[in-house]
Amino acid sequence: MNTTVEEKLKPFVDSVKLSLQTENYYAALSVAFILPDICSKLEFPDKYTGSRYILWFEKYLEEFYQHEVGADHEIHVFLSAKDFYALRCAFLHQGQSDISEQDKQETINNFIFTKPDKINNINIHRNYYSSRIGNRQTNKLQLQVDTFCEEILSGTAEWLNENKNDSNINNRSLKLMHIFNNYI
């Protein structure tokens, strides 16, 4: 039997999955970006949105975006928690992938989202581009939209697994929106 928080988050998670299946990528991204907001608010209700969102990314998604590169196996951060939050703000509030004007922007200036290549079955994800024109440094990160959303879903599943039995989180989840079948 599912806990309250599992039941309350299910429609949001299902929305991302259905949006990916129907190639409604803007809807998938929108709801995927909301999931860390919901989870972090349930866990840390008194923290500022940006702070709790960044903490959530660091705990549940950061591992996807740090890799050893080069002969020295130096850790490279492809996407920081602050840039993830800046992208969330730019996309949800302005419909943009350029985060250069966001307060929390750290390293990346812009994101390039691509659809999955279903013909050749190629996954093009986490490609980092850096260039300098004069004094201006431009850093872009290419993300495959379905893989990106699936990583957020994976982080959400991990968060749920860790927190599904927390009575405070279950009580707070009762406030999550529910869309009813008919009039009440």
N, C-alpha and C. Protein backbone atom coordinates (compact mmCIF):
# COMPACT_ATOMS: atom_id res chain seq x y z
N MET A 1 0.84 -1.19 0.00
CA MET A 1 0.00 0.00 0.00
C MET A 1 0.89 1.25 0.00
N ASN A 2 0.54 2.19 -0.85
CA ASN A 2 1.31 3.42 -0.96
C ASN A 2 1.01 4.38 0.17
N THR A 3 2.00 5.18 0.50
CA THR A 3 1.82 6.22 1.51
C THR A 3 1.13 7.42 0.86
N THR A 4 0.73 8.36 1.70
CA THR A 4 0.05 9.56 1.19
C THR A 4 0.93 10.34 0.23
N VAL A 5 2.19 10.54 0.59
CA VAL A 5 3.06 11.32 -0.28
C VAL A 5 3.28 10.61 -1.62
N GLU A 6 3.35 9.29 -1.62
CA GLU A 6 3.48 8.56 -2.89
C GLU A 6 2.24 8.77 -3.76
N GLU A 7 1.07 8.68 -3.16
CA GLU A 7 -0.19 8.88 -3.89
C GLU A 7 -0.31 10.31 -4.42
N LYS A 8 0.11 11.27 -3.61
CA LYS A 8 -0.02 12.68 -4.00
C LYS A 8 0.98 13.08 -5.09
N LEU A 9 2.16 12.46 -5.10
CA LEU A 9 3.16 12.77 -6.12
C LEU A 9 2.94 12.01 -7.43
N LYS A 10 2.22 10.90 -7.36
CA LYS A 10 2.02 10.04 -8.52
C LYS A 10 1.47 10.79 -9.75
N PRO A 11 0.44 11.63 -9.62
CA PRO A 11 -0.05 12.33 -10.82
C PRO A 11 1.00 13.23 -11.47
N PHE A 12 1.87 13.82 -10.67
CA PHE A 12 2.93 14.68 -11.22
C PHE A 12 3.96 13.83 -11.98
N VAL A 13 4.37 12.73 -11.37
CA VAL A 13 5.32 11.82 -12.00
C VAL A 13 4.72 11.22 -13.27
N ASP A 14 3.46 10.78 -13.19
CA ASP A 14 2.78 10.22 -14.36
C ASP A 14 2.66 11.25 -15.48
N SER A 15 2.47 12.50 -15.12
CA SER A 15 2.37 13.57 -16.11
C SER A 15 3.66 13.70 -16.91
N VAL A 16 4.80 13.63 -16.22
CA VAL A 16 6.09 13.70 -16.92
C VAL A 16 6.22 12.50 -17.86
N LYS A 17 5.93 11.32 -17.35
CA LYS A 17 6.07 10.10 -18.16
C LYS A 17 5.17 10.13 -19.39
N LEU A 18 3.90 10.50 -19.20
CA LEU A 18 2.97 10.57 -20.33
C LEU A 18 3.40 11.64 -21.33
N SER A 19 3.86 12.77 -20.83
CA SER A 19 4.33 13.84 -21.72
C SER A 19 5.53 13.38 -22.54
N LEU A 20 6.42 12.61 -21.95
CA LEU A 20 7.55 12.07 -22.71
C LEU A 20 7.08 11.07 -23.76
N GLN A 21 6.13 10.19 -23.38
CA GLN A 21 5.62 9.19 -24.32
C GLN A 21 4.95 9.84 -25.52
N THR A 22 4.26 10.96 -25.29
CA THR A 22 3.53 11.63 -26.37
C THR A 22 4.37 12.75 -27.02
N GLU A 23 5.65 12.81 -26.64
CA GLU A 23 6.59 13.80 -27.18
C GLU A 23 6.15 15.24 -26.91
N ASN A 24 5.46 15.44 -25.82
CA ASN A 24 5.07 16.77 -25.37
C ASN A 24 6.18 17.27 -24.43
N TYR A 25 7.31 17.62 -25.02
CA TYR A 25 8.53 17.87 -24.26
C TYR A 25 8.48 19.12 -23.39
N TYR A 26 7.77 20.13 -23.83
CA TYR A 26 7.66 21.34 -22.99
C TYR A 26 6.87 21.04 -21.72
N ALA A 27 5.82 20.27 -21.84
CA ALA A 27 5.05 19.88 -20.65
C ALA A 27 5.90 18.98 -19.74
N ALA A 28 6.63 18.04 -20.34
CA ALA A 28 7.49 17.15 -19.56
C ALA A 28 8.52 17.95 -18.77
N LEU A 29 9.17 18.90 -19.44
CA LEU A 29 10.16 19.74 -18.75
C LEU A 29 9.52 20.56 -17.64
N SER A 30 8.36 21.13 -17.91
CA SER A 30 7.69 21.98 -16.92
C SER A 30 7.40 21.21 -15.64
N VAL A 31 6.79 20.06 -15.76
CA VAL A 31 6.44 19.28 -14.57
C VAL A 31 7.69 18.69 -13.93
N ALA A 32 8.66 18.29 -14.75
CA ALA A 32 9.91 17.76 -14.19
C ALA A 32 10.59 18.82 -13.32
N PHE A 33 10.62 20.07 -13.78
CA PHE A 33 11.23 21.14 -12.98
C PHE A 33 10.45 21.42 -11.70
N ILE A 34 9.17 21.10 -11.69
CA ILE A 34 8.35 21.33 -10.50
C ILE A 34 8.61 20.26 -9.43
N LEU A 35 8.96 19.06 -9.83
CA LEU A 35 9.14 17.96 -8.87
C LEU A 35 10.15 18.28 -7.76
N PRO A 36 11.34 18.81 -8.07
CA PRO A 36 12.25 19.17 -6.97
C PRO A 36 11.66 20.26 -6.06
N ASP A 37 10.87 21.17 -6.64
CA ASP A 37 10.18 22.19 -5.83
C ASP A 37 9.24 21.54 -4.83
N ILE A 38 8.44 20.61 -5.31
CA ILE A 38 7.46 19.94 -4.44
C ILE A 38 8.17 19.14 -3.35
N CYS A 39 9.12 18.31 -3.77
CA CYS A 39 9.82 17.45 -2.80
C CYS A 39 10.55 18.27 -1.75
N SER A 40 11.26 19.30 -2.19
CA SER A 40 12.04 20.09 -1.24
C SER A 40 11.15 20.92 -0.32
N LYS A 41 10.01 21.37 -0.81
CA LYS A 41 9.07 22.10 0.04
C LYS A 41 8.48 21.18 1.10
N LEU A 42 8.16 19.95 0.72
CA LEU A 42 7.63 18.99 1.68
C LEU A 42 8.65 18.66 2.76
N GLU A 43 9.92 18.60 2.37
CA GLU A 43 10.96 18.24 3.33
C GLU A 43 11.44 19.42 4.17
N PHE A 44 11.58 20.58 3.53
CA PHE A 44 12.10 21.78 4.20
C PHE A 44 11.13 22.95 4.02
N PRO A 45 9.99 22.92 4.66
CA PRO A 45 8.95 23.93 4.41
C PRO A 45 9.34 25.36 4.78
N ASP A 46 10.32 25.53 5.64
CA ASP A 46 10.68 26.88 6.09
C ASP A 46 11.87 27.47 5.35
N LYS A 47 12.48 26.71 4.45
CA LYS A 47 13.63 27.23 3.70
C LYS A 47 13.16 28.00 2.47
N TYR A 48 13.96 28.95 2.06
CA TYR A 48 13.73 29.72 0.84
C TYR A 48 13.77 28.77 -0.37
N THR A 49 12.95 29.03 -1.36
CA THR A 49 12.82 28.17 -2.54
C THR A 49 14.16 27.84 -3.17
N GLY A 50 14.96 28.85 -3.46
CA GLY A 50 16.25 28.62 -4.12
C GLY A 50 17.16 27.74 -3.29
N SER A 51 17.22 27.99 -2.00
CA SER A 51 18.10 27.21 -1.12
C SER A 51 17.70 25.75 -1.07
N ARG A 52 16.41 25.49 -0.91
CA ARG A 52 15.99 24.10 -0.81
C ARG A 52 16.08 23.39 -2.17
N TYR A 53 15.83 24.10 -3.25
CA TYR A 53 15.93 23.51 -4.59
C TYR A 53 17.38 23.09 -4.86
N ILE A 54 18.32 23.96 -4.53
CA ILE A 54 19.74 23.68 -4.71
C ILE A 54 20.18 22.50 -3.85
N LEU A 55 19.72 22.45 -2.60
CA LEU A 55 20.04 21.32 -1.72
C LEU A 55 19.52 20.01 -2.31
N TRP A 56 18.30 20.05 -2.85
CA TRP A 56 17.70 18.86 -3.44
C TRP A 56 18.53 18.37 -4.61
N PHE A 57 18.94 19.28 -5.49
CA PHE A 57 19.77 18.90 -6.64
C PHE A 57 21.08 18.27 -6.17
N GLU A 58 21.72 18.90 -5.20
CA GLU A 58 23.00 18.38 -4.71
C GLU A 58 22.87 16.95 -4.18
N LYS A 59 21.76 16.66 -3.55
CA LYS A 59 21.59 15.33 -2.97
C LYS A 59 21.11 14.28 -3.98
N TYR A 60 20.25 14.67 -4.92
CA TYR A 60 19.60 13.67 -5.77
C TYR A 60 19.99 13.70 -7.25
N LEU A 61 20.62 14.78 -7.72
CA LEU A 61 20.94 14.84 -9.15
C LEU A 61 22.41 15.14 -9.47
N GLU A 62 23.12 15.68 -8.51
CA GLU A 62 24.49 16.11 -8.77
C GLU A 62 25.37 14.99 -9.36
N GLU A 63 25.16 13.76 -8.90
CA GLU A 63 25.97 12.63 -9.36
C GLU A 63 25.89 12.44 -10.88
N PHE A 64 24.75 12.81 -11.49
CA PHE A 64 24.59 12.66 -12.94
C PHE A 64 25.45 13.66 -13.70
N TYR A 65 25.84 14.75 -13.07
CA TYR A 65 26.47 15.86 -13.76
C TYR A 65 27.89 16.16 -13.32
N GLN A 66 28.55 15.19 -12.69
CA GLN A 66 29.96 15.30 -12.35
C GLN A 66 30.65 14.04 -12.85
N HIS A 67 31.69 14.24 -13.65
CA HIS A 67 32.41 13.09 -14.20
C HIS A 67 33.90 13.37 -14.24
N GLU A 68 34.67 12.32 -14.14
CA GLU A 68 36.11 12.44 -14.31
C GLU A 68 36.39 12.60 -15.80
N VAL A 69 37.27 13.55 -16.13
CA VAL A 69 37.64 13.77 -17.53
C VAL A 69 39.16 13.87 -17.63
N GLY A 70 39.66 13.54 -18.80
CA GLY A 70 41.08 13.67 -19.07
C GLY A 70 41.93 12.61 -18.42
N ALA A 71 43.21 12.66 -18.75
CA ALA A 71 44.18 11.70 -18.25
C ALA A 71 44.36 11.81 -16.73
N ASP A 72 44.15 13.00 -16.21
CA ASP A 72 44.31 13.23 -14.76
C ASP A 72 43.07 12.86 -13.97
N HIS A 73 42.01 12.47 -14.67
CA HIS A 73 40.74 12.09 -14.04
C HIS A 73 40.21 13.21 -13.14
N GLU A 74 40.34 14.42 -13.62
CA GLU A 74 39.85 15.58 -12.88
C GLU A 74 38.32 15.60 -12.92
N ILE A 75 37.70 15.90 -11.78
CA ILE A 75 36.24 15.97 -11.72
C ILE A 75 35.78 17.24 -12.44
N HIS A 76 34.91 17.06 -13.42
CA HIS A 76 34.32 18.20 -14.14
C HIS A 76 32.83 18.26 -13.81
N VAL A 77 32.38 19.43 -13.42
CA VAL A 77 30.96 19.64 -13.13
C VAL A 77 30.31 20.15 -14.41
N PHE A 78 29.45 19.33 -14.98
CA PHE A 78 28.76 19.72 -16.21
C PHE A 78 27.57 20.62 -15.91
N LEU A 79 26.95 20.40 -14.76
CA LEU A 79 25.79 21.20 -14.37
C LEU A 79 25.82 21.35 -12.85
N SER A 80 25.93 22.59 -12.39
CA SER A 80 25.94 22.84 -10.94
C SER A 80 24.50 23.00 -10.44
N ALA A 81 24.36 22.90 -9.15
CA ALA A 81 23.04 23.07 -8.53
C ALA A 81 22.49 24.47 -8.80
N LYS A 82 23.36 25.48 -8.76
CA LYS A 82 22.92 26.86 -9.00
C LYS A 82 22.48 27.05 -10.44
N ASP A 83 23.22 26.46 -11.39
CA ASP A 83 22.82 26.57 -12.80
C ASP A 83 21.51 25.82 -13.06
N PHE A 84 21.32 24.69 -12.37
CA PHE A 84 20.06 23.94 -12.50
C PHE A 84 18.89 24.80 -12.00
N TYR A 85 19.06 25.46 -10.87
CA TYR A 85 18.01 26.33 -10.34
C TYR A 85 17.79 27.53 -11.28
N ALA A 86 18.86 28.10 -11.81
CA ALA A 86 18.73 29.21 -12.75
C ALA A 86 17.97 28.78 -14.00
N LEU A 87 18.24 27.56 -14.49
CA LEU A 87 17.51 27.04 -15.65
C LEU A 87 16.04 26.85 -15.33
N ARG A 88 15.76 26.32 -14.16
CA ARG A 88 14.37 26.16 -13.71
C ARG A 88 13.65 27.50 -13.73
N CYS A 89 14.28 28.54 -13.20
CA CYS A 89 13.67 29.87 -13.15
C CYS A 89 13.48 30.45 -14.55
N ALA A 90 14.52 30.37 -15.37
CA ALA A 90 14.44 30.92 -16.73
C ALA A 90 13.37 30.23 -17.55
N PHE A 91 13.30 28.90 -17.44
CA PHE A 91 12.32 28.15 -18.23
C PHE A 91 10.90 28.35 -17.72
N LEU A 92 10.69 28.16 -16.41
CA LEU A 92 9.33 28.23 -15.88
C LEU A 92 8.75 29.64 -15.87
N HIS A 93 9.60 30.65 -15.72
CA HIS A 93 9.09 32.01 -15.61
C HIS A 93 9.18 32.81 -16.90
N GLN A 94 10.11 32.45 -17.80
CA GLN A 94 10.25 33.20 -19.04
C GLN A 94 10.26 32.33 -20.30
N GLY A 95 10.22 31.00 -20.13
CA GLY A 95 10.25 30.11 -21.28
C GLY A 95 11.60 30.13 -21.99
N GLN A 96 12.68 30.42 -21.27
CA GLN A 96 14.00 30.57 -21.88
C GLN A 96 14.96 29.48 -21.43
N SER A 97 15.98 29.26 -22.26
CA SER A 97 17.06 28.36 -21.88
C SER A 97 18.35 29.14 -21.61
N ASP A 98 18.33 30.43 -21.89
CA ASP A 98 19.46 31.31 -21.59
C ASP A 98 19.35 31.74 -20.14
N ILE A 99 20.37 31.41 -19.35
CA ILE A 99 20.31 31.74 -17.92
C ILE A 99 21.29 32.85 -17.54
N SER A 100 21.88 33.50 -18.53
CA SER A 100 22.93 34.49 -18.26
C SER A 100 22.45 35.66 -17.41
N GLU A 101 21.15 35.92 -17.38
CA GLU A 101 20.63 37.03 -16.57
C GLU A 101 20.02 36.57 -15.25
N GLN A 102 20.13 35.29 -14.94
CA GLN A 102 19.58 34.76 -13.69
C GLN A 102 20.56 35.01 -12.54
N ASP A 103 20.03 35.39 -11.39
CA ASP A 103 20.86 35.69 -10.22
C ASP A 103 21.73 34.51 -9.81
N LYS A 104 21.22 33.30 -9.87
CA LYS A 104 21.96 32.12 -9.40
C LYS A 104 22.90 31.54 -10.45
N GLN A 105 22.88 32.06 -11.67
CA GLN A 105 23.73 31.54 -12.74
C GLN A 105 25.18 31.51 -12.28
N GLU A 106 25.84 30.38 -12.54
CA GLU A 106 27.20 30.19 -12.04
C GLU A 106 28.20 29.99 -13.18
N THR A 107 28.00 28.98 -14.02
CA THR A 107 28.98 28.64 -15.05
C THR A 107 28.37 28.62 -16.44
N ILE A 108 27.25 27.94 -16.59
CA ILE A 108 26.59 27.79 -17.89
C ILE A 108 25.87 29.09 -18.23
N ASN A 109 25.92 29.47 -19.52
CA ASN A 109 25.18 30.63 -19.99
C ASN A 109 23.87 30.24 -20.66
N ASN A 110 23.91 29.09 -21.33
CA ASN A 110 22.76 28.70 -22.13
C ASN A 110 22.70 27.18 -22.22
N PHE A 111 21.50 26.69 -22.46
CA PHE A 111 21.28 25.25 -22.61
C PHE A 111 20.69 24.99 -23.98
N ILE A 112 21.07 23.86 -24.54
CA ILE A 112 20.53 23.41 -25.82
C ILE A 112 19.82 22.10 -25.54
N PHE A 113 18.51 22.08 -25.71
CA PHE A 113 17.75 20.84 -25.51
C PHE A 113 17.50 20.20 -26.86
N THR A 114 17.70 18.89 -26.91
CA THR A 114 17.46 18.14 -28.15
C THR A 114 16.45 17.04 -27.89
N LYS A 115 15.73 16.69 -28.94
CA LYS A 115 14.79 15.57 -28.89
C LYS A 115 15.58 14.28 -29.05
N PRO A 116 15.01 13.17 -28.59
CA PRO A 116 15.70 11.89 -28.80
C PRO A 116 15.74 11.53 -30.28
N ASP A 117 16.84 10.92 -30.69
CA ASP A 117 16.99 10.44 -32.06
C ASP A 117 16.44 9.03 -32.11
N LYS A 118 15.17 8.91 -32.48
CA LYS A 118 14.51 7.60 -32.47
C LYS A 118 14.85 6.76 -33.70
N ILE A 119 15.35 7.38 -34.73
CA ILE A 119 15.70 6.64 -35.95
C ILE A 119 17.01 5.89 -35.74
N ASN A 120 18.03 6.59 -35.26
CA ASN A 120 19.35 5.98 -35.06
C ASN A 120 19.58 5.51 -33.62
N ASN A 121 18.61 5.78 -32.76
CA ASN A 121 18.69 5.38 -31.35
C ASN A 121 19.99 5.88 -30.69
N ILE A 122 20.29 7.17 -30.92
CA ILE A 122 21.49 7.79 -30.36
C ILE A 122 21.06 8.74 -29.24
N ASN A 123 21.75 8.64 -28.11
CA ASN A 123 21.49 9.53 -26.99
C ASN A 123 22.59 10.58 -26.95
N ILE A 124 22.22 11.82 -27.18
CA ILE A 124 23.18 12.93 -27.14
C ILE A 124 22.82 13.77 -25.93
N HIS A 125 23.61 13.61 -24.87
CA HIS A 125 23.26 14.20 -23.58
C HIS A 125 24.53 14.61 -22.83
N ARG A 126 24.47 15.73 -22.18
CA ARG A 126 25.57 16.28 -21.37
C ARG A 126 26.78 16.65 -22.21
N ASN A 127 26.55 17.26 -23.37
CA ASN A 127 27.65 17.76 -24.19
C ASN A 127 27.92 19.21 -23.79
N TYR A 128 29.14 19.48 -23.42
CA TYR A 128 29.54 20.79 -22.92
C TYR A 128 30.30 21.53 -24.01
N TYR A 129 29.88 22.76 -24.30
CA TYR A 129 30.53 23.60 -25.30
C TYR A 129 31.04 24.86 -24.60
N SER A 130 32.26 25.21 -24.88
CA SER A 130 32.83 26.42 -24.30
C SER A 130 33.55 27.18 -25.40
N SER A 131 33.31 28.48 -25.47
CA SER A 131 34.00 29.30 -26.47
C SER A 131 34.22 30.70 -25.91
N ARG A 132 35.20 31.35 -26.46
CA ARG A 132 35.49 32.73 -26.06
C ARG A 132 35.53 33.60 -27.31
N ILE A 133 34.77 34.68 -27.26
CA ILE A 133 34.80 35.68 -28.32
C ILE A 133 35.16 36.99 -27.64
N GLY A 134 36.37 37.46 -27.88
CA GLY A 134 36.85 38.65 -27.18
C GLY A 134 36.95 38.36 -25.69
N ASN A 135 36.31 39.19 -24.89
CA ASN A 135 36.31 38.99 -23.44
C ASN A 135 35.13 38.16 -22.95
N ARG A 136 34.28 37.75 -23.86
CA ARG A 136 33.06 37.04 -23.46
C ARG A 136 33.23 35.53 -23.55
N GLN A 137 33.10 34.88 -22.41
CA GLN A 137 33.15 33.41 -22.33
C GLN A 137 31.72 32.88 -22.42
N THR A 138 31.48 31.94 -23.29
CA THR A 138 30.17 31.33 -23.43
C THR A 138 30.29 29.84 -23.14
N ASN A 139 29.46 29.37 -22.22
CA ASN A 139 29.42 27.95 -21.87
C ASN A 139 28.00 27.45 -22.08
N LYS A 140 27.88 26.42 -22.90
CA LYS A 140 26.58 25.84 -23.20
C LYS A 140 26.59 24.36 -22.84
N LEU A 141 25.44 23.88 -22.42
CA LEU A 141 25.31 22.46 -22.12
C LEU A 141 24.15 21.91 -22.94
N GLN A 142 24.44 20.88 -23.73
CA GLN A 142 23.42 20.21 -24.53
C GLN A 142 22.84 19.07 -23.72
N LEU A 143 21.53 19.05 -23.61
CA LEU A 143 20.82 18.02 -22.86
C LEU A 143 19.75 17.39 -23.73
N GLN A 144 19.65 16.09 -23.71
CA GLN A 144 18.57 15.41 -24.41
C GLN A 144 17.36 15.43 -23.49
N VAL A 145 16.28 16.01 -23.94
CA VAL A 145 15.15 16.34 -23.09
C VAL A 145 14.57 15.14 -22.34
N ASP A 146 14.44 14.00 -23.00
CA ASP A 146 13.86 12.84 -22.33
C ASP A 146 14.80 12.29 -21.25
N THR A 147 16.09 12.24 -21.55
CA THR A 147 17.06 11.75 -20.56
C THR A 147 17.12 12.68 -19.36
N PHE A 148 17.10 13.98 -19.61
CA PHE A 148 17.12 14.97 -18.54
C PHE A 148 15.91 14.79 -17.62
N CYS A 149 14.73 14.65 -18.20
CA CYS A 149 13.51 14.45 -17.41
C CYS A 149 13.57 13.13 -16.64
N GLU A 150 14.09 12.08 -17.28
CA GLU A 150 14.21 10.78 -16.62
C GLU A 150 15.18 10.83 -15.43
N GLU A 151 16.21 11.66 -15.54
CA GLU A 151 17.13 11.83 -14.41
C GLU A 151 16.43 12.51 -13.24
N ILE A 152 15.60 13.50 -13.55
CA ILE A 152 14.83 14.16 -12.48
C ILE A 152 13.85 13.17 -11.87
N LEU A 153 13.21 12.34 -12.70
CA LEU A 153 12.31 11.31 -12.18
C LEU A 153 13.06 10.32 -11.28
N SER A 154 14.27 9.99 -11.66
CA SER A 154 15.09 9.09 -10.86
C SER A 154 15.41 9.72 -9.49
N GLY A 155 15.76 10.99 -9.49
CA GLY A 155 16.00 11.71 -8.24
C GLY A 155 14.75 11.77 -7.38
N THR A 156 13.61 11.96 -8.02
CA THR A 156 12.33 12.00 -7.30
C THR A 156 12.03 10.65 -6.67
N ALA A 157 12.27 9.58 -7.42
CA ALA A 157 12.04 8.22 -6.88
C ALA A 157 12.95 7.95 -5.69
N GLU A 158 14.20 8.38 -5.77
CA GLU A 158 15.12 8.20 -4.65
C GLU A 158 14.65 9.00 -3.44
N TRP A 159 14.21 10.26 -3.68
CA TRP A 159 13.69 11.10 -2.59
C TRP A 159 12.48 10.43 -1.94
N LEU A 160 11.56 9.93 -2.78
CA LEU A 160 10.37 9.27 -2.25
C LEU A 160 10.73 8.05 -1.41
N ASN A 161 11.66 7.27 -1.89
CA ASN A 161 12.08 6.08 -1.16
C ASN A 161 12.63 6.44 0.22
N GLU A 162 13.37 7.54 0.29
CA GLU A 162 13.95 7.97 1.56
C GLU A 162 12.92 8.62 2.49
N ASN A 163 11.88 9.22 1.95
CA ASN A 163 10.99 10.05 2.75
C ASN A 163 9.54 9.58 2.84
N LYS A 164 9.20 8.49 2.18
CA LYS A 164 7.79 8.07 2.10
C LYS A 164 7.17 7.73 3.45
N ASN A 165 7.97 7.39 4.43
CA ASN A 165 7.42 7.03 5.74
C ASN A 165 7.54 8.14 6.77
N ASP A 166 7.97 9.31 6.34
CA ASP A 166 8.08 10.45 7.25
C ASP A 166 6.68 11.04 7.47
N SER A 167 6.20 11.00 8.70
CA SER A 167 4.83 11.44 8.99
C SER A 167 4.63 12.93 8.70
N ASN A 168 5.65 13.76 8.95
CA ASN A 168 5.51 15.19 8.66
C ASN A 168 5.38 15.45 7.16
N ILE A 169 6.17 14.75 6.38
CA ILE A 169 6.10 14.90 4.92
C ILE A 169 4.76 14.39 4.41
N ASN A 170 4.30 13.27 4.92
CA ASN A 170 2.99 12.75 4.51
C ASN A 170 1.87 13.72 4.87
N ASN A 171 1.93 14.32 6.05
CA ASN A 171 0.91 15.31 6.43
C ASN A 171 0.97 16.55 5.54
N ARG A 172 2.17 17.03 5.24
CA ARG A 172 2.30 18.21 4.38
C ARG A 172 1.82 17.91 2.96
N SER A 173 2.01 16.67 2.52
CA SER A 173 1.62 16.32 1.15
C SER A 173 0.11 16.38 0.93
N LEU A 174 -0.66 16.38 2.01
CA LEU A 174 -2.12 16.50 1.89
C LEU A 174 -2.52 17.83 1.24
N LYS A 175 -1.64 18.81 1.28
CA LYS A 175 -1.93 20.13 0.69
C LYS A 175 -1.65 20.18 -0.81
N LEU A 176 -1.04 19.14 -1.37
CA LEU A 176 -0.75 19.14 -2.80
C LEU A 176 -2.06 19.13 -3.60
N MET A 177 -2.02 19.81 -4.73
CA MET A 177 -3.21 19.92 -5.58
C MET A 177 -3.67 18.55 -6.05
N HIS A 178 -4.97 18.42 -6.12
CA HIS A 178 -5.59 17.21 -6.66
C HIS A 178 -6.63 17.65 -7.69
N ILE A 179 -6.64 17.03 -8.83
CA ILE A 179 -7.64 17.31 -9.85
C ILE A 179 -8.69 16.22 -9.77
N PHE A 180 -9.90 16.60 -9.47
CA PHE A 180 -10.99 15.66 -9.28
C PHE A 180 -11.66 15.28 -10.59
N ASN A 181 -12.27 14.11 -10.63
CA ASN A 181 -12.98 13.65 -11.82
C ASN A 181 -14.24 14.44 -12.09
N ASN A 182 -14.94 14.84 -11.04
CA ASN A 182 -16.21 15.54 -11.17
C ASN A 182 -16.28 16.67 -10.14
N TYR A 183 -17.40 17.37 -10.15
CA TYR A 183 -17.61 18.39 -9.13
C TYR A 183 -17.71 17.72 -7.77
N ILE A 184 -17.29 18.45 -6.77
CA ILE A 184 -17.34 17.91 -5.41
C ILE A 184 -18.73 18.08 -4.84
